[in-house]
Amino acid sequence: MKIIAVIPARYASTRFPAKLMQDLGGKSVIVRTYEAAIATNLFDDVFVVTDSTLIYKEIIAHNGKAIMSIKEHESGSDRIAEAVENIDVDVVVNVQGDEPFIDKKPLEELIEVFKKDSDKKVDLASLMFQITDKEEINSPNNVKVIVDQQNFALYFSRSVIPFPREENVGVRYMKHIGIYAFRKQALLDFYSLPMLSLEASEKLEQLRYLEYGKRIKMVETAHGSIGIDTPEDLEKARKMV
């Protein structure tokens, strides 16, 4: 089974423009992330896919592998699908470009899903972890997921799901971490299928997979992601480096 990592890297960012090119201990954030992905030793290859010539040149200058997007894309899945269309690969892992402190263990757990899936019932795998703080649960910035007994995703939402009409019944609230592992065909199918109403309403690309009947296996982890979304996050990251 051939497994690669693809790091989608947009230059523009609503909350923190050009964050991937910010200096982090003598190297840019995107180079740190690329090198961290390679250092996991989990992948047969690692690529950065970007719409920015600045990011493309940055990766190439550090002897990395980069792919320029040909089209404009609304989602990370679209950008990755275009990039891997002509690459011989079985499983593609989406690594976030703004997470230079990659935790190897949850990525291993995602890959293990496909190694055990001999019947090929899983189209995608992704991560979730339990949240208990009411403010976190209610925040539309935290995407929640509910799953069936086999941990296949039933629905993702920015709203509180399930709604706590009856409390003290053992409901756990699970936050979705947007790191995915895909079968190549699931990505290509996504790329060719139009957006439907649920995805358009919630602005969550993973709903397109569910709306078209793809199966998303969720892996529970205790490891929250450490991303750089704001200048304050960057300052914390610099202290960590």
C-alpha atoms as a PDB file:
ATOM      1  CA  MET A   1       0.000   0.000   0.000  1.00  0.00           C
ATOM      2  CA  LYS A   2       1.466   3.333  -1.072  1.00  0.00           C
ATOM      3  CA  ILE A   3       0.763   6.173   1.369  1.00  0.00           C
ATOM      4  CA  ILE A   4       1.652   9.814   0.804  1.00  0.00           C
ATOM      5  CA  ALA A   5       1.124  13.047   2.732  1.00  0.00           C
ATOM      6  CA  VAL A   6      -0.163  16.150   0.973  1.00  0.00           C
ATOM      7  CA  ILE A   7      -0.020  19.547   2.659  1.00  0.00           C
ATOM      8  CA  PRO A   8      -2.486  22.033   1.122  1.00  0.00           C
ATOM      9  CA  ALA A   9      -0.983  25.502   1.543  1.00  0.00           C
ATOM     10  CA  ARG A  10      -2.925  28.664   0.728  1.00  0.00           C
ATOM     11  CA  TYR A  11      -1.067  31.969   0.974  1.00  0.00           C
ATOM     12  CA  ALA A  12      -4.200  33.955   1.844  1.00  0.00           C
ATOM     13  CA  SER A  13      -5.776  33.398   5.234  1.00  0.00           C
ATOM     14  CA  THR A  14      -8.745  35.311   6.603  1.00  0.00           C
ATOM     15  CA  ARG A  15      -7.539  35.470  10.207  1.00  0.00           C
ATOM     16  CA  PHE A  16      -3.774  35.611   9.620  1.00  0.00           C
ATOM     17  CA  PRO A  17      -2.648  36.454   6.066  1.00  0.00           C
ATOM     18  CA  ALA A  18       0.679  34.940   4.918  1.00  0.00           C
ATOM     19  CA  LYS A  19       0.975  32.916   8.140  1.00  0.00           C
ATOM     20  CA  LEU A  20       2.649  29.981   6.366  1.00  0.00           C
ATOM     21  CA  MET A  21       5.562  32.206   5.332  1.00  0.00           C
ATOM     22  CA  GLN A  22       6.161  33.606   8.826  1.00  0.00           C
ATOM     23  CA  ASP A  23       9.522  32.936  10.434  1.00  0.00           C
ATOM     24  CA  LEU A  24       9.549  30.162  13.018  1.00  0.00           C
ATOM     25  CA  GLY A  25      13.010  29.706  14.508  1.00  0.00           C
ATOM     26  CA  GLY A  26      14.872  30.490  11.283  1.00  0.00           C
ATOM     27  CA  LYS A  27      12.548  28.609   8.924  1.00  0.00           C
ATOM     28  CA  SER A  28       9.084  29.404   7.598  1.00  0.00           C
ATOM     29  CA  VAL A  29       6.021  27.746   9.120  1.00  0.00           C
ATOM     30  CA  ILE A  30       5.348  25.771   5.930  1.00  0.00           C
ATOM     31  CA  VAL A  31       8.933  24.437   5.744  1.00  0.00           C
ATOM     32  CA  ARG A  32       8.751  23.411   9.415  1.00  0.00           C
ATOM     33  CA  THR A  33       5.508  21.557   8.712  1.00  0.00           C
ATOM     34  CA  TYR A  34       6.903  19.871   5.596  1.00  0.00           C
ATOM     35  CA  GLU A  35      10.022  18.707   7.440  1.00  0.00           C
ATOM     36  CA  ALA A  36       7.937  17.491  10.398  1.00  0.00           C
ATOM     37  CA  ALA A  37       5.785  15.381   8.053  1.00  0.00           C
ATOM     38  CA  ILE A  38       8.891  13.764   6.558  1.00  0.00           C
ATOM     39  CA  ALA A  39      10.377  13.184  10.017  1.00  0.00           C
ATOM     40  CA  THR A  40       7.421  10.968  11.012  1.00  0.00           C
ATOM     41  CA  ASN A  41       8.727   8.303   8.567  1.00  0.00           C
ATOM     42  CA  LEU A  42       5.112   7.293   7.906  1.00  0.00           C
ATOM     43  CA  PHE A  43       4.921   8.281   4.256  1.00  0.00           C
ATOM     44  CA  ASP A  44       6.331   7.066   0.962  1.00  0.00           C
ATOM     45  CA  ASP A  45       6.368  10.695  -0.189  1.00  0.00           C
ATOM     46  CA  VAL A  46       5.393  14.178   1.034  1.00  0.00           C
ATOM     47  CA  PHE A  47       4.168  17.056  -1.167  1.00  0.00           C
ATOM     48  CA  VAL A  48       3.059  20.634  -0.601  1.00  0.00           C
ATOM     49  CA  VAL A  49       0.274  21.705  -2.956  1.00  0.00           C
ATOM     50  CA  THR A  50      -0.264  25.441  -3.204  1.00  0.00           C
ATOM     51  CA  ASP A  51      -1.795  28.308  -5.172  1.00  0.00           C
ATOM     52  CA  SER A  52       1.120  30.584  -4.255  1.00  0.00           C
ATOM     53  CA  THR A  53       4.356  30.952  -6.227  1.00  0.00           C
ATOM     54  CA  LEU A  54       5.985  32.239  -3.022  1.00  0.00           C
ATOM     55  CA  ILE A  55       5.178  29.035  -1.120  1.00  0.00           C
ATOM     56  CA  TYR A  56       6.078  26.872  -4.125  1.00  0.00           C
ATOM     57  CA  LYS A  57       9.518  28.518  -4.426  1.00  0.00           C
ATOM     58  CA  GLU A  58      10.024  28.316  -0.655  1.00  0.00           C
ATOM     59  CA  ILE A  59       9.562  24.538  -0.617  1.00  0.00           C
ATOM     60  CA  ILE A  60      11.685  23.985  -3.746  1.00  0.00           C
ATOM     61  CA  ALA A  61      14.457  26.178  -2.265  1.00  0.00           C
ATOM     62  CA  HIS A  62      14.564  23.800   0.720  1.00  0.00           C
ATOM     63  CA  ASN A  63      14.859  20.749  -1.575  1.00  0.00           C
ATOM     64  CA  GLY A  64      11.232  19.831  -0.990  1.00  0.00           C
ATOM     65  CA  LYS A  65       8.509  18.640  -3.352  1.00  0.00           C
ATOM     66  CA  ALA A  66       5.788  21.112  -4.300  1.00  0.00           C
ATOM     67  CA  ILE A  67       2.891  21.113  -6.753  1.00  0.00           C
ATOM     68  CA  MET A  68       1.241  24.269  -8.113  1.00  0.00           C
ATOM     69  CA  SER A  69      -2.551  24.186  -8.256  1.00  0.00           C
ATOM     70  CA  ILE A  70      -3.836  24.748 -11.784  1.00  0.00           C
ATOM     71  CA  LYS A  71      -7.359  25.826 -10.820  1.00  0.00           C
ATOM     72  CA  GLU A  72      -8.943  27.890  -8.074  1.00  0.00           C
ATOM     73  CA  HIS A  73     -10.343  25.637  -5.358  1.00  0.00           C
ATOM     74  CA  GLU A  74     -12.998  26.110  -2.689  1.00  0.00           C
ATOM     75  CA  SER A  75     -11.768  23.309  -0.422  1.00  0.00           C
ATOM     76  CA  GLY A  76      -8.666  21.428   0.625  1.00  0.00           C
ATOM     77  CA  SER A  77     -10.103  18.197  -0.796  1.00  0.00           C
ATOM     78  CA  ASP A  78     -10.445  19.783  -4.247  1.00  0.00           C
ATOM     79  CA  ARG A  79      -6.875  21.073  -4.135  1.00  0.00           C
ATOM     80  CA  ILE A  80      -5.494  17.692  -3.047  1.00  0.00           C
ATOM     81  CA  ALA A  81      -7.586  15.763  -5.571  1.00  0.00           C
ATOM     82  CA  GLU A  82      -6.235  17.815  -8.465  1.00  0.00           C
ATOM     83  CA  ALA A  83      -2.685  17.299  -7.194  1.00  0.00           C
ATOM     84  CA  VAL A  84      -2.869  13.505  -6.815  1.00  0.00           C
ATOM     85  CA  GLU A  85      -4.982  12.733  -9.887  1.00  0.00           C
ATOM     86  CA  ASN A  86      -1.958  11.473 -11.824  1.00  0.00           C
ATOM     87  CA  ILE A  87       0.054  10.121  -8.879  1.00  0.00           C
ATOM     88  CA  ASP A  88       0.158   6.370  -8.266  1.00  0.00           C
ATOM     89  CA  VAL A  89      -1.039   6.148  -4.659  1.00  0.00           C
ATOM     90  CA  ASP A  90      -3.516   4.197  -2.521  1.00  0.00           C
ATOM     91  CA  VAL A  91      -4.012   6.424   0.542  1.00  0.00           C
ATOM     92  CA  VAL A  92      -3.522  10.192   0.798  1.00  0.00           C
ATOM     93  CA  VAL A  93      -3.122  11.861   4.204  1.00  0.00           C
ATOM     94  CA  ASN A  94      -4.011  15.544   4.425  1.00  0.00           C
ATOM     95  CA  VAL A  95      -1.583  17.302   6.792  1.00  0.00           C
ATOM     96  CA  GLN A  96      -2.470  20.868   7.784  1.00  0.00           C
ATOM     97  CA  GLY A  97       0.085  23.436   6.596  1.00  0.00           C
ATOM     98  CA  ASP A  98      -0.155  25.502   9.775  1.00  0.00           C
ATOM     99  CA  GLU A  99       0.694  22.642  12.160  1.00  0.00           C
ATOM    100  CA  PRO A 100       4.495  22.439  12.413  1.00  0.00           C
ATOM    101  CA  PHE A 101       4.325  20.340  15.606  1.00  0.00           C
ATOM    102  CA  ILE A 102       2.945  17.194  14.017  1.00  0.00           C
ATOM    103  CA  ASP A 103       2.035  14.459  16.446  1.00  0.00           C
ATOM    104  CA  LYS A 104       2.991  11.120  14.881  1.00  0.00           C
ATOM    105  CA  LYS A 105       0.660   8.885  16.904  1.00  0.00           C
ATOM    106  CA  PRO A 106      -2.748  10.055  15.550  1.00  0.00           C
ATOM    107  CA  LEU A 107      -1.407   9.909  11.987  1.00  0.00           C
ATOM    108  CA  GLU A 108      -0.314   6.326  12.625  1.00  0.00           C
ATOM    109  CA  GLU A 109      -3.810   5.555  13.901  1.00  0.00           C
ATOM    110  CA  LEU A 110      -5.388   6.958  10.732  1.00  0.00           C
ATOM    111  CA  ILE A 111      -3.105   4.911   8.496  1.00  0.00           C
ATOM    112  CA  GLU A 112      -3.795   1.786  10.571  1.00  0.00           C
ATOM    113  CA  VAL A 113      -7.513   2.098   9.704  1.00  0.00           C
ATOM    114  CA  PHE A 114      -6.716   1.407   6.048  1.00  0.00           C
ATOM    115  CA  LYS A 115      -4.213  -1.337   6.787  1.00  0.00           C
ATOM    116  CA  LYS A 116      -6.935  -3.210   8.689  1.00  0.00           C
ATOM    117  CA  ASP A 117      -9.665  -2.455   6.142  1.00  0.00           C
ATOM    118  CA  SER A 118      -9.190  -5.485   3.885  1.00  0.00           C
ATOM    119  CA  ASP A 119     -12.785  -5.259   2.597  1.00  0.00           C
ATOM    120  CA  LYS A 120     -12.282  -1.582   1.637  1.00  0.00           C
ATOM    121  CA  LYS A 121     -15.369  -0.390   3.518  1.00  0.00           C
ATOM    122  CA  VAL A 122     -13.665   2.844   4.605  1.00  0.00           C
ATOM    123  CA  ASP A 123     -13.471   5.765   2.155  1.00  0.00           C
ATOM    124  CA  LEU A 124     -11.970   8.297   4.569  1.00  0.00           C
ATOM    125  CA  ALA A 125     -10.646   8.344   8.120  1.00  0.00           C
ATOM    126  CA  SER A 126     -10.466  11.363  10.377  1.00  0.00           C
ATOM    127  CA  LEU A 127      -9.879  12.348  14.005  1.00  0.00           C
ATOM    128  CA  MET A 128     -12.053  13.428  16.917  1.00  0.00           C
ATOM    129  CA  PHE A 129     -11.617  14.062  20.614  1.00  0.00           C
ATOM    130  CA  GLN A 130     -13.976  14.603  23.513  1.00  0.00           C
ATOM    131  CA  ILE A 131     -14.806  18.105  24.717  1.00  0.00           C
ATOM    132  CA  THR A 132     -16.635  18.868  27.966  1.00  0.00           C
ATOM    133  CA  ASP A 133     -16.510  22.662  28.297  1.00  0.00           C
ATOM    134  CA  LYS A 134     -19.963  24.125  27.494  1.00  0.00           C
ATOM    135  CA  GLU A 135     -18.497  27.142  25.740  1.00  0.00           C
ATOM    136  CA  GLU A 136     -16.447  24.873  23.485  1.00  0.00           C
ATOM    137  CA  ILE A 137     -19.455  22.658  22.796  1.00  0.00           C
ATOM    138  CA  ASN A 138     -21.639  25.639  21.863  1.00  0.00           C
ATOM    139  CA  SER A 139     -19.051  27.424  19.727  1.00  0.00           C
ATOM    140  CA  PRO A 140     -19.792  27.297  15.968  1.00  0.00           C
ATOM    141  CA  ASN A 141     -16.020  27.458  15.406  1.00  0.00           C
ATOM    142  CA  ASN A 142     -15.748  23.933  16.843  1.00  0.00           C
ATOM    143  CA  VAL A 143     -17.121  21.343  14.448  1.00  0.00           C
ATOM    144  CA  LYS A 144     -18.846  18.495  16.264  1.00  0.00           C
ATOM    145  CA  VAL A 145     -19.342  14.951  14.973  1.00  0.00           C
ATOM    146  CA  ILE A 146     -21.686  12.145  15.956  1.00  0.00           C
ATOM    147  CA  VAL A 147     -20.878   8.532  15.121  1.00  0.00           C
ATOM    148  CA  ASP A 148     -22.496   5.098  15.044  1.00  0.00           C
ATOM    149  CA  GLN A 149     -21.460   2.076  17.112  1.00  0.00           C
ATOM    150  CA  GLN A 150     -18.565   1.333  14.725  1.00  0.00           C
ATOM    151  CA  ASN A 151     -17.342   4.966  14.861  1.00  0.00           C
ATOM    152  CA  PHE A 152     -18.508   5.797  11.336  1.00  0.00           C
ATOM    153  CA  ALA A 153     -19.557   9.443  11.082  1.00  0.00           C
ATOM    154  CA  LEU A 154     -23.308  10.084  10.982  1.00  0.00           C
ATOM    155  CA  TYR A 155     -23.150  13.876  10.777  1.00  0.00           C
ATOM    156  CA  PHE A 156     -20.882  16.885  11.324  1.00  0.00           C
ATOM    157  CA  SER A 157     -22.176  20.267  12.445  1.00  0.00           C
ATOM    158  CA  ARG A 158     -21.217  23.654  13.801  1.00  0.00           C
ATOM    159  CA  SER A 159     -24.345  23.371  15.964  1.00  0.00           C
ATOM    160  CA  VAL A 160     -24.546  21.373  19.194  1.00  0.00           C
ATOM    161  CA  ILE A 161     -25.110  17.741  18.213  1.00  0.00           C
ATOM    162  CA  PRO A 162     -26.782  15.903  19.738  1.00  0.00           C
ATOM    163  CA  PHE A 163     -29.105  18.522  21.233  1.00  0.00           C
ATOM    164  CA  PRO A 164     -29.206  17.964  25.039  1.00  0.00           C
ATOM    165  CA  ARG A 165     -32.982  17.781  25.491  1.00  0.00           C
ATOM    166  CA  GLU A 166     -32.390  15.082  28.072  1.00  0.00           C
ATOM    167  CA  GLU A 167     -29.221  15.483  30.099  1.00  0.00           C
ATOM    168  CA  ASN A 168     -27.336  12.852  32.120  1.00  0.00           C
ATOM    169  CA  VAL A 169     -27.860  10.106  29.537  1.00  0.00           C
ATOM    170  CA  GLY A 170     -24.165   9.562  28.853  1.00  0.00           C
ATOM    171  CA  VAL A 171     -23.824  11.678  25.714  1.00  0.00           C
ATOM    172  CA  ARG A 172     -20.238  12.580  24.797  1.00  0.00           C
ATOM    173  CA  TYR A 173     -19.507  15.629  22.663  1.00  0.00           C
ATOM    174  CA  MET A 174     -16.796  15.009  20.089  1.00  0.00           C
ATOM    175  CA  LYS A 175     -14.855  17.746  18.336  1.00  0.00           C
ATOM    176  CA  HIS A 176     -13.674  17.031  14.803  1.00  0.00           C
ATOM    177  CA  ILE A 177      -9.997  17.583  13.987  1.00  0.00           C
ATOM    178  CA  GLY A 178      -9.681  18.335  10.275  1.00  0.00           C
ATOM    179  CA  ILE A 179      -6.927  15.854   9.476  1.00  0.00           C
ATOM    180  CA  TYR A 180      -8.002  13.235   6.951  1.00  0.00           C
ATOM    181  CA  ALA A 181      -6.729  10.102   5.285  1.00  0.00           C
ATOM    182  CA  PHE A 182      -8.457   9.319   1.981  1.00  0.00           C
ATOM    183  CA  ARG A 183      -8.596   6.494  -0.474  1.00  0.00           C
ATOM    184  CA  LYS A 184      -7.537   8.090  -3.756  1.00  0.00           C
ATOM    185  CA  GLN A 185     -10.843   7.194  -5.425  1.00  0.00           C
ATOM    186  CA  ALA A 186     -12.855   8.947  -2.699  1.00  0.00           C
ATOM    187  CA  LEU A 187     -10.903  12.130  -3.390  1.00  0.00           C
ATOM    188  CA  LEU A 188     -11.428  11.881  -7.147  1.00  0.00           C
ATOM    189  CA  ASP A 189     -15.151  11.267  -6.635  1.00  0.00           C
ATOM    190  CA  PHE A 190     -15.366  14.337  -4.385  1.00  0.00           C
ATOM    191  CA  TYR A 191     -13.586  16.396  -7.043  1.00  0.00           C
ATOM    192  CA  SER A 192     -16.150  15.467  -9.713  1.00  0.00           C
ATOM    193  CA  LEU A 193     -19.330  15.794  -7.638  1.00  0.00           C
ATOM    194  CA  PRO A 194     -21.185  19.110  -7.131  1.00  0.00           C
ATOM    195  CA  MET A 195     -21.718  20.665  -3.720  1.00  0.00           C
ATOM    196  CA  LEU A 196     -25.131  19.894  -2.204  1.00  0.00           C
ATOM    197  CA  SER A 197     -27.270  21.795   0.297  1.00  0.00           C
ATOM    198  CA  LEU A 198     -25.875  20.450   3.593  1.00  0.00           C
ATOM    199  CA  GLU A 199     -22.276  21.314   2.687  1.00  0.00           C
ATOM    200  CA  ALA A 200     -23.372  24.722   1.377  1.00  0.00           C
ATOM    201  CA  SER A 201     -25.309  25.450   4.580  1.00  0.00           C
ATOM    202  CA  GLU A 202     -22.702  24.385   7.144  1.00  0.00           C
ATOM    203  CA  LYS A 203     -19.642  25.244   5.005  1.00  0.00           C
ATOM    204  CA  LEU A 204     -18.142  21.835   5.863  1.00  0.00           C
ATOM    205  CA  GLU A 205     -16.628  19.901   2.967  1.00  0.00           C
ATOM    206  CA  GLN A 206     -16.823  16.571   4.821  1.00  0.00           C
ATOM    207  CA  LEU A 207     -20.607  16.704   4.457  1.00  0.00           C
ATOM    208  CA  ARG A 208     -20.255  16.261   0.696  1.00  0.00           C
ATOM    209  CA  TYR A 209     -18.731  12.846   1.307  1.00  0.00           C
ATOM    210  CA  LEU A 210     -21.620  11.864   3.586  1.00  0.00           C
ATOM    211  CA  GLU A 211     -24.266  13.259   1.240  1.00  0.00           C
ATOM    212  CA  TYR A 212     -22.934  11.039  -1.539  1.00  0.00           C
ATOM    213  CA  GLY A 213     -22.754   7.936   0.652  1.00  0.00           C
ATOM    214  CA  LYS A 214     -19.038   7.816   1.448  1.00  0.00           C
ATOM    215  CA  ARG A 215     -18.078   6.197   4.745  1.00  0.00           C
ATOM    216  CA  ILE A 216     -15.910   8.211   7.143  1.00  0.00           C
ATOM    217  CA  LYS A 217     -14.275   6.231   9.952  1.00  0.00           C
ATOM    218  CA  MET A 218     -13.613   8.409  12.979  1.00  0.00           C
ATOM    219  CA  VAL A 219     -10.650   7.698  15.244  1.00  0.00           C
ATOM    220  CA  GLU A 220     -10.819   9.007  18.798  1.00  0.00           C
ATOM    221  CA  THR A 221      -7.619  10.590  19.994  1.00  0.00           C
ATOM    222  CA  ALA A 222      -6.458  12.376  23.111  1.00  0.00           C
ATOM    223  CA  HIS A 223      -4.162  14.561  21.014  1.00  0.00           C
ATOM    224  CA  GLY A 224      -5.569  17.993  20.129  1.00  0.00           C
ATOM    225  CA  SER A 225      -3.929  19.727  17.195  1.00  0.00           C
ATOM    226  CA  ILE A 226      -1.545  22.648  17.705  1.00  0.00           C
ATOM    227  CA  GLY A 227      -2.152  25.021  14.820  1.00  0.00           C
ATOM    228  CA  ILE A 228      -1.077  28.573  14.025  1.00  0.00           C
ATOM    229  CA  ASP A 229      -4.245  30.570  13.369  1.00  0.00           C
ATOM    230  CA  THR A 230      -3.318  33.930  14.884  1.00  0.00           C
ATOM    231  CA  PRO A 231      -0.212  36.084  15.537  1.00  0.00           C
ATOM    232  CA  GLU A 232      -0.544  35.046  19.196  1.00  0.00           C
ATOM    233  CA  ASP A 233      -0.327  31.383  18.182  1.00  0.00           C
ATOM    234  CA  LEU A 234       2.843  32.173  16.242  1.00  0.00           C
ATOM    235  CA  GLU A 235       4.455  33.742  19.310  1.00  0.00           C
ATOM    236  CA  LYS A 236       3.636  30.629  21.364  1.00  0.00           C
ATOM    237  CA  ALA A 237       5.110  28.445  18.602  1.00  0.00           C
ATOM    238  CA  ARG A 238       8.322  30.480  18.559  1.00  0.00           C
ATOM    239  CA  LYS A 239       8.719  29.828  22.284  1.00  0.00           C
ATOM    240  CA  MET A 240       8.196  26.104  21.686  1.00  0.00           C
ATOM    241  CA  VAL A 241      10.876  26.026  18.975  1.00  0.00           C
END
